[in-house]
Amino acid sequence: MGIVLAIYIVLLIGFLAISALIFRHTAKYSYLSPKFKTVVWVFAILALGGVIFSLYLVISLFSTPSGPSYSSPSVNTSSDINF
């Protein structure tokens, strides 16, 4: 699971870096119309929210105890039925 998490974090950082470079390039050379800039900012805020939520889930994954889970109900498998 550690390798999968490391790959996930690298891909997440790569996504953020590429998105930031694309946004900087379009803002620098004025490729964006004023109306489209609003759409880009909304997408950027939503993407940042998704990244923060994703990091929260990864952190909460490691903060849970790794011991046995006692939250599942026990099932009586005996064949005796007492009325």
PDB file of N, CA and C in Angstrom:
ATOM      1  N   MET A   1       0.819  -1.180   0.000  1.00  0.00           N
ATOM      2  CA  MET A   1       0.000   0.000   0.000  1.00  0.00           C
ATOM      3  C   MET A   1       0.870   1.254   0.000  1.00  0.00           C
ATOM      4  N   GLY A   2       2.061   1.159   0.535  1.00  0.00           N
ATOM      5  CA  GLY A   2       2.948   2.305   0.575  1.00  0.00           C
ATOM      6  C   GLY A   2       3.378   2.753  -0.810  1.00  0.00           C
ATOM      7  N   ILE A   3       3.590   1.792  -1.712  1.00  0.00           N
ATOM      8  CA  ILE A   3       3.996   2.130  -3.078  1.00  0.00           C
ATOM      9  C   ILE A   3       2.846   2.822  -3.810  1.00  0.00           C
ATOM     10  N   VAL A   4       1.639   2.336  -3.621  1.00  0.00           N
ATOM     11  CA  VAL A   4       0.471   2.943  -4.254  1.00  0.00           C
ATOM     12  C   VAL A   4       0.279   4.373  -3.755  1.00  0.00           C
ATOM     13  N   LEU A   5       0.458   4.583  -2.464  1.00  0.00           N
ATOM     14  CA  LEU A   5       0.320   5.916  -1.897  1.00  0.00           C
ATOM     15  C   LEU A   5       1.404   6.855  -2.417  1.00  0.00           C
ATOM     16  N   ALA A   6       2.619   6.371  -2.549  1.00  0.00           N
ATOM     17  CA  ALA A   6       3.707   7.195  -3.079  1.00  0.00           C
ATOM     18  C   ALA A   6       3.439   7.569  -4.534  1.00  0.00           C
ATOM     19  N   ILE A   7       2.955   6.632  -5.335  1.00  0.00           N
ATOM     20  CA  ILE A   7       2.612   6.927  -6.726  1.00  0.00           C
ATOM     21  C   ILE A   7       1.485   7.950  -6.783  1.00  0.00           C
ATOM     22  N   TYR A   8       0.496   7.796  -5.909  1.00  0.00           N
ATOM     23  CA  TYR A   8      -0.634   8.734  -5.852  1.00  0.00           C
ATOM     24  C   TYR A   8      -0.156  10.142  -5.530  1.00  0.00           C
ATOM     25  N   ILE A   9       0.714  10.277  -4.559  1.00  0.00           N
ATOM     26  CA  ILE A   9       1.212  11.597  -4.164  1.00  0.00           C
ATOM     27  C   ILE A   9       2.032  12.217  -5.288  1.00  0.00           C
ATOM     28  N   VAL A  10       2.859  11.422  -5.962  1.00  0.00           N
ATOM     29  CA  VAL A  10       3.648  11.939  -7.087  1.00  0.00           C
ATOM     30  C   VAL A  10       2.732  12.406  -8.214  1.00  0.00           C
ATOM     31  N   LEU A  11       1.699  11.636  -8.526  1.00  0.00           N
ATOM     32  CA  LEU A  11       0.756  12.040  -9.565  1.00  0.00           C
ATOM     33  C   LEU A  11      -0.014  13.291  -9.166  1.00  0.00           C
ATOM     34  N   LEU A  12      -0.360  13.412  -7.906  1.00  0.00           N
ATOM     35  CA  LEU A  12      -1.063  14.591  -7.416  1.00  0.00           C
ATOM     36  C   LEU A  12      -0.195  15.838  -7.525  1.00  0.00           C
ATOM     37  N   ILE A  13       1.062  15.719  -7.145  1.00  0.00           N
ATOM     38  CA  ILE A  13       1.988  16.848  -7.260  1.00  0.00           C
ATOM     39  C   ILE A  13       2.217  17.192  -8.731  1.00  0.00           C
ATOM     40  N   GLY A  14       2.329  16.190  -9.580  1.00  0.00           N
ATOM     41  CA  GLY A  14       2.478  16.434 -11.009  1.00  0.00           C
ATOM     42  C   GLY A  14       1.274  17.148 -11.598  1.00  0.00           C
ATOM     43  N   PHE A  15       0.077  16.756 -11.197  1.00  0.00           N
ATOM     44  CA  PHE A  15      -1.136  17.429 -11.649  1.00  0.00           C
ATOM     45  C   PHE A  15      -1.133  18.889 -11.236  1.00  0.00           C
ATOM     46  N   LEU A  16      -0.780  19.157  -9.996  1.00  0.00           N
ATOM     47  CA  LEU A  16      -0.748  20.542  -9.527  1.00  0.00           C
ATOM     48  C   LEU A  16       0.300  21.363 -10.263  1.00  0.00           C
ATOM     49  N   ALA A  17       1.465  20.799 -10.493  1.00  0.00           N
ATOM     50  CA  ALA A  17       2.537  21.527 -11.163  1.00  0.00           C
ATOM     51  C   ALA A  17       2.171  21.835 -12.614  1.00  0.00           C
ATOM     52  N   ILE A  18       1.650  20.851 -13.323  1.00  0.00           N
ATOM     53  CA  ILE A  18       1.279  21.066 -14.720  1.00  0.00           C
ATOM     54  C   ILE A  18       0.122  22.057 -14.828  1.00  0.00           C
ATOM     55  N   SER A  19      -0.857  21.939 -13.946  1.00  0.00           N
ATOM     56  CA  SER A  19      -1.976  22.886 -13.959  1.00  0.00           C
ATOM     57  C   SER A  19      -1.505  24.303 -13.688  1.00  0.00           C
ATOM     58  N   ALA A  20      -0.602  24.464 -12.738  1.00  0.00           N
ATOM     59  CA  ALA A  20      -0.087  25.803 -12.422  1.00  0.00           C
ATOM     60  C   ALA A  20       0.704  26.375 -13.588  1.00  0.00           C
ATOM     61  N   LEU A  21       1.503  25.547 -14.260  1.00  0.00           N
ATOM     62  CA  LEU A  21       2.269  26.033 -15.408  1.00  0.00           C
ATOM     63  C   LEU A  21       1.367  26.426 -16.577  1.00  0.00           C
ATOM     64  N   ILE A  22       0.338  25.639 -16.827  1.00  0.00           N
ATOM     65  CA  ILE A  22      -0.600  25.971 -17.901  1.00  0.00           C
ATOM     66  C   ILE A  22      -1.330  27.271 -17.576  1.00  0.00           C
ATOM     67  N   PHE A  23      -1.788  27.407 -16.352  1.00  0.00           N
ATOM     68  CA  PHE A  23      -2.500  28.625 -15.972  1.00  0.00           C
ATOM     69  C   PHE A  23      -1.584  29.849 -16.055  1.00  0.00           C
ATOM     70  N   ARG A  24      -0.347  29.706 -15.613  1.00  0.00           N
ATOM     71  CA  ARG A  24       0.592  30.829 -15.674  1.00  0.00           C
ATOM     72  C   ARG A  24       0.877  31.230 -17.121  1.00  0.00           C
ATOM     73  N   HIS A  25       1.023  30.243 -17.982  1.00  0.00           N
ATOM     74  CA  HIS A  25       1.305  30.528 -19.384  1.00  0.00           C
ATOM     75  C   HIS A  25       0.132  31.255 -20.049  1.00  0.00           C
ATOM     76  N   THR A  26      -1.074  30.785 -19.785  1.00  0.00           N
ATOM     77  CA  THR A  26      -2.242  31.426 -20.397  1.00  0.00           C
ATOM     78  C   THR A  26      -2.476  32.817 -19.834  1.00  0.00           C
ATOM     79  N   ALA A  27      -2.212  33.025 -18.565  1.00  0.00           N
ATOM     80  CA  ALA A  27      -2.381  34.353 -17.982  1.00  0.00           C
ATOM     81  C   ALA A  27      -1.288  35.302 -18.474  1.00  0.00           C
ATOM     82  N   LYS A  28      -0.075  34.807 -18.663  1.00  0.00           N
ATOM     83  CA  LYS A  28       1.041  35.653 -19.086  1.00  0.00           C
ATOM     84  C   LYS A  28       0.850  36.159 -20.515  1.00  0.00           C
ATOM     85  N   TYR A  29       0.391  35.297 -21.403  1.00  0.00           N
ATOM     86  CA  TYR A  29       0.240  35.671 -22.802  1.00  0.00           C
ATOM     87  C   TYR A  29      -1.182  36.070 -23.169  1.00  0.00           C
ATOM     88  N   SER A  30      -2.038  36.234 -22.179  1.00  0.00           N
ATOM     89  CA  SER A  30      -3.420  36.717 -22.347  1.00  0.00           C
ATOM     90  C   SER A  30      -4.212  35.887 -23.345  1.00  0.00           C
ATOM     91  N   TYR A  31      -4.132  34.574 -23.220  1.00  0.00           N
ATOM     92  CA  TYR A  31      -4.940  33.718 -24.076  1.00  0.00           C
ATOM     93  C   TYR A  31      -6.392  33.638 -23.610  1.00  0.00           C
ATOM     94  N   LEU A  32      -6.625  34.015 -22.387  1.00  0.00           N
ATOM     95  CA  LEU A  32      -7.953  33.856 -21.809  1.00  0.00           C
ATOM     96  C   LEU A  32      -8.780  35.122 -21.974  1.00  0.00           C
ATOM     97  N   SER A  33     -10.014  34.951 -22.408  1.00  0.00           N
ATOM     98  CA  SER A  33     -10.935  36.079 -22.436  1.00  0.00           C
ATOM     99  C   SER A  33     -11.395  36.353 -21.003  1.00  0.00           C
ATOM    100  N   PRO A  34     -11.868  37.562 -20.711  1.00  0.00           N
ATOM    101  CA  PRO A  34     -12.307  37.865 -19.344  1.00  0.00           C
ATOM    102  C   PRO A  34     -13.419  36.946 -18.842  1.00  0.00           C
ATOM    103  N   LYS A  35     -14.329  36.542 -19.734  1.00  0.00           N
ATOM    104  CA  LYS A  35     -15.412  35.655 -19.308  1.00  0.00           C
ATOM    105  C   LYS A  35     -14.879  34.264 -18.964  1.00  0.00           C
ATOM    106  N   PHE A  36     -13.897  33.812 -19.733  1.00  0.00           N
ATOM    107  CA  PHE A  36     -13.347  32.483 -19.502  1.00  0.00           C
ATOM    108  C   PHE A  36     -12.460  32.450 -18.263  1.00  0.00           C
ATOM    109  N   LYS A  37     -11.897  33.587 -17.873  1.00  0.00           N
ATOM    110  CA  LYS A  37     -11.075  33.630 -16.661  1.00  0.00           C
ATOM    111  C   LYS A  37     -11.889  33.254 -15.434  1.00  0.00           C
ATOM    112  N   THR A  38     -13.163  33.641 -15.416  1.00  0.00           N
ATOM    113  CA  THR A  38     -14.037  33.258 -14.301  1.00  0.00           C
ATOM    114  C   THR A  38     -14.201  31.746 -14.240  1.00  0.00           C
ATOM    115  N   VAL A  39     -14.391  31.130 -15.396  1.00  0.00           N
ATOM    116  CA  VAL A  39     -14.533  29.668 -15.444  1.00  0.00           C
ATOM    117  C   VAL A  39     -13.247  29.000 -14.962  1.00  0.00           C
ATOM    118  N   VAL A  40     -12.098  29.538 -15.350  1.00  0.00           N
ATOM    119  CA  VAL A  40     -10.816  28.970 -14.940  1.00  0.00           C
ATOM    120  C   VAL A  40     -10.643  29.091 -13.434  1.00  0.00           C
ATOM    121  N   TRP A  41     -11.006  30.235 -12.861  1.00  0.00           N
ATOM    122  CA  TRP A  41     -10.876  30.399 -11.411  1.00  0.00           C
ATOM    123  C   TRP A  41     -11.807  29.448 -10.657  1.00  0.00           C
ATOM    124  N   VAL A  42     -13.025  29.262 -11.164  1.00  0.00           N
ATOM    125  CA  VAL A  42     -13.949  28.325 -10.510  1.00  0.00           C
ATOM    126  C   VAL A  42     -13.381  26.907 -10.579  1.00  0.00           C
ATOM    127  N   PHE A  43     -12.867  26.516 -11.751  1.00  0.00           N
ATOM    128  CA  PHE A  43     -12.261  25.194 -11.870  1.00  0.00           C
ATOM    129  C   PHE A  43     -11.058  25.055 -10.943  1.00  0.00           C
ATOM    130  N   ALA A  44     -10.243  26.094 -10.853  1.00  0.00           N
ATOM    131  CA  ALA A  44      -9.063  26.038  -9.981  1.00  0.00           C
ATOM    132  C   ALA A  44      -9.461  25.867  -8.525  1.00  0.00           C
ATOM    133  N   ILE A  45     -10.499  26.564  -8.097  1.00  0.00           N
ATOM    134  CA  ILE A  45     -10.960  26.440  -6.709  1.00  0.00           C
ATOM    135  C   ILE A  45     -11.518  25.044  -6.458  1.00  0.00           C
ATOM    136  N   LEU A  46     -12.295  24.514  -7.416  1.00  0.00           N
ATOM    137  CA  LEU A  46     -12.830  23.156  -7.256  1.00  0.00           C
ATOM    138  C   LEU A  46     -11.715  22.114  -7.253  1.00  0.00           C
ATOM    139  N   ALA A  47     -10.726  22.276  -8.125  1.00  0.00           N
ATOM    140  CA  ALA A  47      -9.609  21.333  -8.164  1.00  0.00           C
ATOM    141  C   ALA A  47      -8.810  21.392  -6.868  1.00  0.00           C
ATOM    142  N   LEU A  48      -8.586  22.598  -6.365  1.00  0.00           N
ATOM    143  CA  LEU A  48      -7.861  22.735  -5.100  1.00  0.00           C
ATOM    144  C   LEU A  48      -8.651  22.113  -3.949  1.00  0.00           C
ATOM    145  N   GLY A  49      -9.959  22.297  -3.957  1.00  0.00           N
ATOM    146  CA  GLY A  49     -10.797  21.653  -2.943  1.00  0.00           C
ATOM    147  C   GLY A  49     -10.725  20.137  -3.025  1.00  0.00           C
ATOM    148  N   GLY A  50     -10.723  19.603  -4.245  1.00  0.00           N
ATOM    149  CA  GLY A  50     -10.596  18.152  -4.416  1.00  0.00           C
ATOM    150  C   GLY A  50      -9.257  17.631  -3.940  1.00  0.00           C
ATOM    151  N   VAL A  51      -8.194  18.391  -4.191  1.00  0.00           N
ATOM    152  CA  VAL A  51      -6.863  17.986  -3.745  1.00  0.00           C
ATOM    153  C   VAL A  51      -6.781  18.022  -2.222  1.00  0.00           C
ATOM    154  N   ILE A  52      -7.316  19.068  -1.608  1.00  0.00           N
ATOM    155  CA  ILE A  52      -7.284  19.165  -0.151  1.00  0.00           C
ATOM    156  C   ILE A  52      -8.101  18.044   0.478  1.00  0.00           C
ATOM    157  N   PHE A  53      -9.281  17.748  -0.090  1.00  0.00           N
ATOM    158  CA  PHE A  53     -10.093  16.650   0.429  1.00  0.00           C
ATOM    159  C   PHE A  53      -9.387  15.315   0.252  1.00  0.00           C
ATOM    160  N   SER A  54      -8.720  15.139  -0.869  1.00  0.00           N
ATOM    161  CA  SER A  54      -7.973  13.910  -1.118  1.00  0.00           C
ATOM    162  C   SER A  54      -6.840  13.742  -0.109  1.00  0.00           C
ATOM    163  N   LEU A  55      -6.119  14.817   0.162  1.00  0.00           N
ATOM    164  CA  LEU A  55      -5.050  14.744   1.163  1.00  0.00           C
ATOM    165  C   LEU A  55      -5.618  14.469   2.551  1.00  0.00           C
ATOM    166  N   TYR A  56      -6.777  15.033   2.855  1.00  0.00           N
ATOM    167  CA  TYR A  56      -7.434  14.745   4.136  1.00  0.00           C
ATOM    168  C   TYR A  56      -7.759  13.259   4.256  1.00  0.00           C
ATOM    169  N   LEU A  57      -8.255  12.661   3.169  1.00  0.00           N
ATOM    170  CA  LEU A  57      -8.561  11.225   3.208  1.00  0.00           C
ATOM    171  C   LEU A  57      -7.306  10.381   3.385  1.00  0.00           C
ATOM    172  N   VAL A  58      -6.212  10.775   2.740  1.00  0.00           N
ATOM    173  CA  VAL A  58      -4.961  10.036   2.887  1.00  0.00           C
ATOM    174  C   VAL A  58      -4.454  10.149   4.323  1.00  0.00           C
ATOM    175  N   ILE A  59      -4.523  11.333   4.902  1.00  0.00           N
ATOM    176  CA  ILE A  59      -4.069  11.521   6.286  1.00  0.00           C
ATOM    177  C   ILE A  59      -4.956  10.745   7.246  1.00  0.00           C
ATOM    178  N   SER A  60      -6.280  10.758   7.018  1.00  0.00           N
ATOM    179  CA  SER A  60      -7.174  10.008   7.906  1.00  0.00           C
ATOM    180  C   SER A  60      -6.982   8.508   7.755  1.00  0.00           C
ATOM    181  N   LEU A  61      -6.517   8.064   6.592  1.00  0.00           N
ATOM    182  CA  LEU A  61      -6.234   6.647   6.397  1.00  0.00           C
ATOM    183  C   LEU A  61      -5.110   6.191   7.312  1.00  0.00           C
ATOM    184  N   PHE A  62      -4.087   7.042   7.472  1.00  0.00           N
ATOM    185  CA  PHE A  62      -2.962   6.679   8.326  1.00  0.00           C
ATOM    186  C   PHE A  62      -3.208   6.951   9.799  1.00  0.00           C
ATOM    187  N   SER A  63      -4.200   7.755  10.140  1.00  0.00           N
ATOM    188  CA  SER A  63      -4.435   8.055  11.545  1.00  0.00           C
ATOM    189  C   SER A  63      -5.343   7.029  12.218  1.00  0.00           C
ATOM    190  N   THR A  64      -5.970   6.152  11.449  1.00  0.00           N
ATOM    191  CA  THR A  64      -6.824   5.133  12.042  1.00  0.00           C
ATOM    192  C   THR A  64      -5.954   4.016  12.608  1.00  0.00           C
ATOM    193  N   PRO A  65      -6.365   3.435  13.725  1.00  0.00           N
ATOM    194  CA  PRO A  65      -5.572   2.338  14.293  1.00  0.00           C
ATOM    195  C   PRO A  65      -5.597   1.121  13.376  1.00  0.00           C
ATOM    196  N   SER A  66      -4.484   0.410  13.346  1.00  0.00           N
ATOM    197  CA  SER A  66      -4.378  -0.747  12.458  1.00  0.00           C
ATOM    198  C   SER A  66      -4.763  -2.052  13.140  1.00  0.00           C
ATOM    199  N   GLY A  67      -5.299  -1.967  14.335  1.00  0.00           N
ATOM    200  CA  GLY A  67      -5.702  -3.165  15.069  1.00  0.00           C
ATOM    201  C   GLY A  67      -7.003  -3.730  14.526  1.00  0.00           C
ATOM    202  N   PRO A  68      -7.499  -4.775  15.177  1.00  0.00           N
ATOM    203  CA  PRO A  68      -8.745  -5.389  14.707  1.00  0.00           C
ATOM    204  C   PRO A  68      -9.930  -4.449  14.891  1.00  0.00           C
ATOM    205  N   SER A  69     -10.874  -4.558  14.002  1.00  0.00           N
ATOM    206  CA  SER A  69     -12.067  -3.716  14.061  1.00  0.00           C
ATOM    207  C   SER A  69     -13.151  -4.449  14.832  1.00  0.00           C
ATOM    208  N   TYR A  70     -13.699  -3.778  15.836  1.00  0.00           N
ATOM    209  CA  TYR A  70     -14.752  -4.377  16.647  1.00  0.00           C
ATOM    210  C   TYR A  70     -16.111  -3.776  16.320  1.00  0.00           C
ATOM    211  N   SER A  71     -16.212  -3.033  15.260  1.00  0.00           N
ATOM    212  CA  SER A  71     -17.468  -2.372  14.940  1.00  0.00           C
ATOM    213  C   SER A  71     -18.454  -3.294  14.227  1.00  0.00           C
ATOM    214  N   SER A  72     -18.002  -4.405  13.669  1.00  0.00           N
ATOM    215  CA  SER A  72     -18.916  -5.298  12.972  1.00  0.00           C
ATOM    216  C   SER A  72     -19.647  -6.174  13.989  1.00  0.00           C
ATOM    217  N   PRO A  73     -20.928  -6.410  13.753  1.00  0.00           N
ATOM    218  CA  PRO A  73     -21.699  -7.227  14.697  1.00  0.00           C
ATOM    219  C   PRO A  73     -21.274  -8.687  14.633  1.00  0.00           C
ATOM    220  N   SER A  74     -21.345  -9.345  15.786  1.00  0.00           N
ATOM    221  CA  SER A  74     -21.006 -10.767  15.810  1.00  0.00           C
ATOM    222  C   SER A  74     -22.219 -11.584  15.370  1.00  0.00           C
ATOM    223  N   VAL A  75     -21.948 -12.655  14.674  1.00  0.00           N
ATOM    224  CA  VAL A  75     -23.008 -13.517  14.163  1.00  0.00           C
ATOM    225  C   VAL A  75     -22.940 -14.841  14.898  1.00  0.00           C
ATOM    226  N   ASN A  76     -24.067 -15.251  15.455  1.00  0.00           N
ATOM    227  CA  ASN A  76     -24.148 -16.525  16.158  1.00  0.00           C
ATOM    228  C   ASN A  76     -24.353 -17.625  15.137  1.00  0.00           C
ATOM    229  N   THR A  77     -23.383 -18.519  15.030  1.00  0.00           N
ATOM    230  CA  THR A  77     -23.458 -19.590  14.035  1.00  0.00           C
ATOM    231  C   THR A  77     -23.884 -20.919  14.622  1.00  0.00           C
ATOM    232  N   SER A  78     -24.315 -20.922  15.863  1.00  0.00           N
ATOM    233  CA  SER A  78     -24.728 -22.205  16.458  1.00  0.00           C
ATOM    234  C   SER A  78     -26.077 -22.645  15.897  1.00  0.00           C
ATOM    235  N   SER A  79     -26.299 -23.939  15.873  1.00  0.00           N
ATOM    236  CA  SER A  79     -27.536 -24.458  15.282  1.00  0.00           C
ATOM    237  C   SER A  79     -28.656 -24.605  16.326  1.00  0.00           C
ATOM    238  N   ASP A  80     -28.375 -24.317  17.591  1.00  0.00           N
ATOM    239  CA  ASP A  80     -29.399 -24.401  18.635  1.00  0.00           C
ATOM    240  C   ASP A  80     -30.259 -23.143  18.618  1.00  0.00           C
ATOM    241  N   ILE A  81     -31.551 -23.353  18.551  1.00  0.00           N
ATOM    242  CA  ILE A  81     -32.472 -22.219  18.604  1.00  0.00           C
ATOM    243  C   ILE A  81     -33.262 -22.344  19.887  1.00  0.00           C
ATOM    244  N   ASN A  82     -33.152 -21.347  20.731  1.00  0.00           N
ATOM    245  CA  ASN A  82     -33.855 -21.371  22.025  1.00  0.00           C
ATOM    246  C   ASN A  82     -35.050 -20.427  21.948  1.00  0.00           C
ATOM    247  N   PHE A  83     -36.243 -21.021  22.188  1.00  0.00           N
ATOM    248  CA  PHE A  83     -37.450 -20.197  22.202  1.00  0.00           C
ATOM    249  C   PHE A  83     -37.905 -19.969  23.597  1.00  0.00           C
TER     250      PHE A  83
END
